[in-house]
Amino acid sequence: ARVTTKGLNSRESLGMLLLLSNQPATRPLVLDWIEANYPEFRSWTGGLLGGAIGFTGNYCTEVDAKRVDELFRPKLAEANVSTLDLERPLAQIRQCVALREAKGAELSAALAAVR
């Protein structure tokens, strides 16, 4: 499906992507959209990718980390921009993965006991 941002300003458009990235079912679609519409996405950020890449902190699988890295690292290199703004969200994603692996079953059991 074609997502249109006609009539939205850049802050509203980024907010829409953030909302979609909050939902596990739509997270992959957000990255697909960014990949297919990168010039438009980049224009919303005013050229500052750090904050925009930061929304990927909602992601929590190693597959997500790989996809975010493969999508943004070449774009940062092409723009001759530091990868520090990418390393932070990647670390956050990987920390989430490690926490889920270490405590996921325990947390699920605790939540199930509350229900």
Protein backbone atom coordinates (compact mmCIF):
# COMPACT_ATOMS: atom_id res chain seq x y z
CA ALA A 1 0.00 0.00 0.00
CA ARG A 2 1.17 3.48 -0.80
CA VAL A 3 1.47 5.69 2.25
CA THR A 4 1.00 9.33 1.45
CA THR A 5 2.02 12.20 3.64
CA LYS A 6 0.30 14.85 1.55
CA GLY A 7 -1.03 17.55 3.84
CA LEU A 8 1.24 16.61 6.74
CA ASN A 9 4.24 18.62 7.83
CA SER A 10 7.56 16.90 8.50
CA ARG A 11 6.96 16.62 12.26
CA GLU A 12 3.57 15.00 11.68
CA SER A 13 5.04 12.64 9.09
CA LEU A 14 7.84 11.54 11.42
CA GLY A 15 5.26 11.15 14.19
CA MET A 16 3.22 8.86 11.98
CA LEU A 17 6.27 6.67 11.35
CA LEU A 18 7.02 6.64 15.07
CA LEU A 19 3.49 5.47 15.86
CA LEU A 20 3.74 2.74 13.25
CA SER A 21 7.14 1.67 14.58
CA ASN A 22 5.59 1.20 18.04
CA GLN A 23 3.57 -1.75 16.76
CA PRO A 24 5.39 -5.03 16.09
CA ALA A 25 3.15 -5.83 13.11
CA THR A 26 3.97 -2.58 11.30
CA ARG A 27 7.66 -2.14 12.21
CA PRO A 28 8.96 -3.91 9.09
CA LEU A 29 6.66 -1.78 6.94
CA VAL A 30 8.18 1.39 8.36
CA LEU A 31 11.66 0.33 7.27
CA ASP A 32 10.30 -0.75 3.88
CA TRP A 33 8.71 2.68 3.46
CA ILE A 34 11.88 4.52 4.49
CA GLU A 35 13.95 2.46 2.07
CA ALA A 36 11.55 3.14 -0.82
CA ASN A 37 11.09 6.83 0.03
CA TYR A 38 14.46 7.78 1.47
CA PRO A 39 14.77 11.25 -0.14
CA GLU A 40 11.39 12.26 1.26
CA PHE A 41 12.26 10.78 4.67
CA ARG A 42 15.58 12.61 4.69
CA SER A 43 13.87 15.91 3.84
CA TRP A 44 11.67 15.55 6.92
CA THR A 45 14.72 15.36 9.17
CA GLY A 46 16.28 18.53 7.82
CA GLY A 47 19.30 16.42 6.98
CA LEU A 48 19.80 15.42 10.63
CA LEU A 49 19.39 11.68 10.72
CA GLY A 50 20.27 11.06 14.36
CA GLY A 51 16.87 11.72 15.84
CA ALA A 52 15.12 10.03 12.95
CA ILE A 53 17.22 6.89 13.27
CA GLY A 54 16.55 6.99 17.00
CA PHE A 55 12.94 5.91 16.49
CA THR A 56 14.28 2.45 15.67
CA GLY A 57 14.76 1.97 19.41
CA ASN A 58 11.32 0.38 19.36
CA TYR A 59 12.80 -2.58 17.53
CA CYS A 60 13.94 -5.61 19.53
CA THR A 61 15.30 -8.45 17.38
CA GLU A 62 18.68 -9.15 15.87
CA VAL A 63 16.95 -9.20 12.47
CA ASP A 64 15.76 -5.65 13.19
CA ALA A 65 19.28 -4.55 14.13
CA LYS A 66 20.68 -6.00 10.92
CA ARG A 67 17.98 -4.36 8.80
CA VAL A 68 18.44 -0.94 10.45
CA ASP A 69 22.22 -1.21 9.99
CA GLU A 70 21.93 -2.27 6.34
CA LEU A 71 19.45 0.50 5.60
CA PHE A 72 21.12 3.45 7.31
CA ARG A 73 24.88 2.77 7.33
CA PRO A 74 25.31 3.21 3.55
CA LYS A 75 23.14 6.33 3.64
CA LEU A 76 25.30 7.87 6.37
CA ALA A 77 28.48 6.98 4.47
CA GLU A 78 27.04 8.47 1.29
CA ALA A 79 26.28 11.70 3.16
CA ASN A 80 29.73 11.60 4.82
CA VAL A 81 28.08 11.64 8.27
CA SER A 82 29.35 9.99 11.44
CA THR A 83 27.85 6.63 12.28
CA LEU A 84 27.59 7.51 15.98
CA ASP A 85 23.91 8.35 15.53
CA LEU A 86 23.44 4.85 14.17
CA GLU A 87 25.55 3.04 16.76
CA ARG A 88 23.40 4.25 19.66
CA PRO A 89 20.08 2.89 18.35
CA LEU A 90 21.78 -0.33 17.25
CA ALA A 91 23.15 -0.75 20.77
CA GLN A 92 19.68 -0.10 22.16
CA ILE A 93 18.15 -2.74 19.88
CA ARG A 94 20.82 -5.27 20.83
CA GLN A 95 20.40 -4.46 24.53
CA CYS A 96 16.69 -5.17 24.15
CA VAL A 97 17.51 -8.48 22.46
CA ALA A 98 19.87 -9.45 25.29
CA LEU A 99 17.36 -8.45 27.96
CA ARG A 100 14.60 -10.38 26.24
CA GLU A 101 16.82 -13.47 26.04
CA ALA A 102 17.92 -13.16 29.67
CA LYS A 103 14.62 -12.20 31.30
CA GLY A 104 11.88 -12.79 28.73
CA ALA A 105 10.55 -16.03 30.19
CA GLU A 106 10.66 -14.65 33.72
CA LEU A 107 8.78 -11.51 32.70
CA SER A 108 6.19 -13.49 30.74
CA ALA A 109 5.58 -15.74 33.75
CA ALA A 110 5.20 -12.74 36.06
CA LEU A 111 2.73 -11.07 33.69
CA ALA A 112 0.78 -14.31 33.31
CA ALA A 113 0.53 -14.61 37.11
CA VAL A 114 -0.98 -11.11 37.31
CA ARG A 115 -3.69 -11.91 34.78
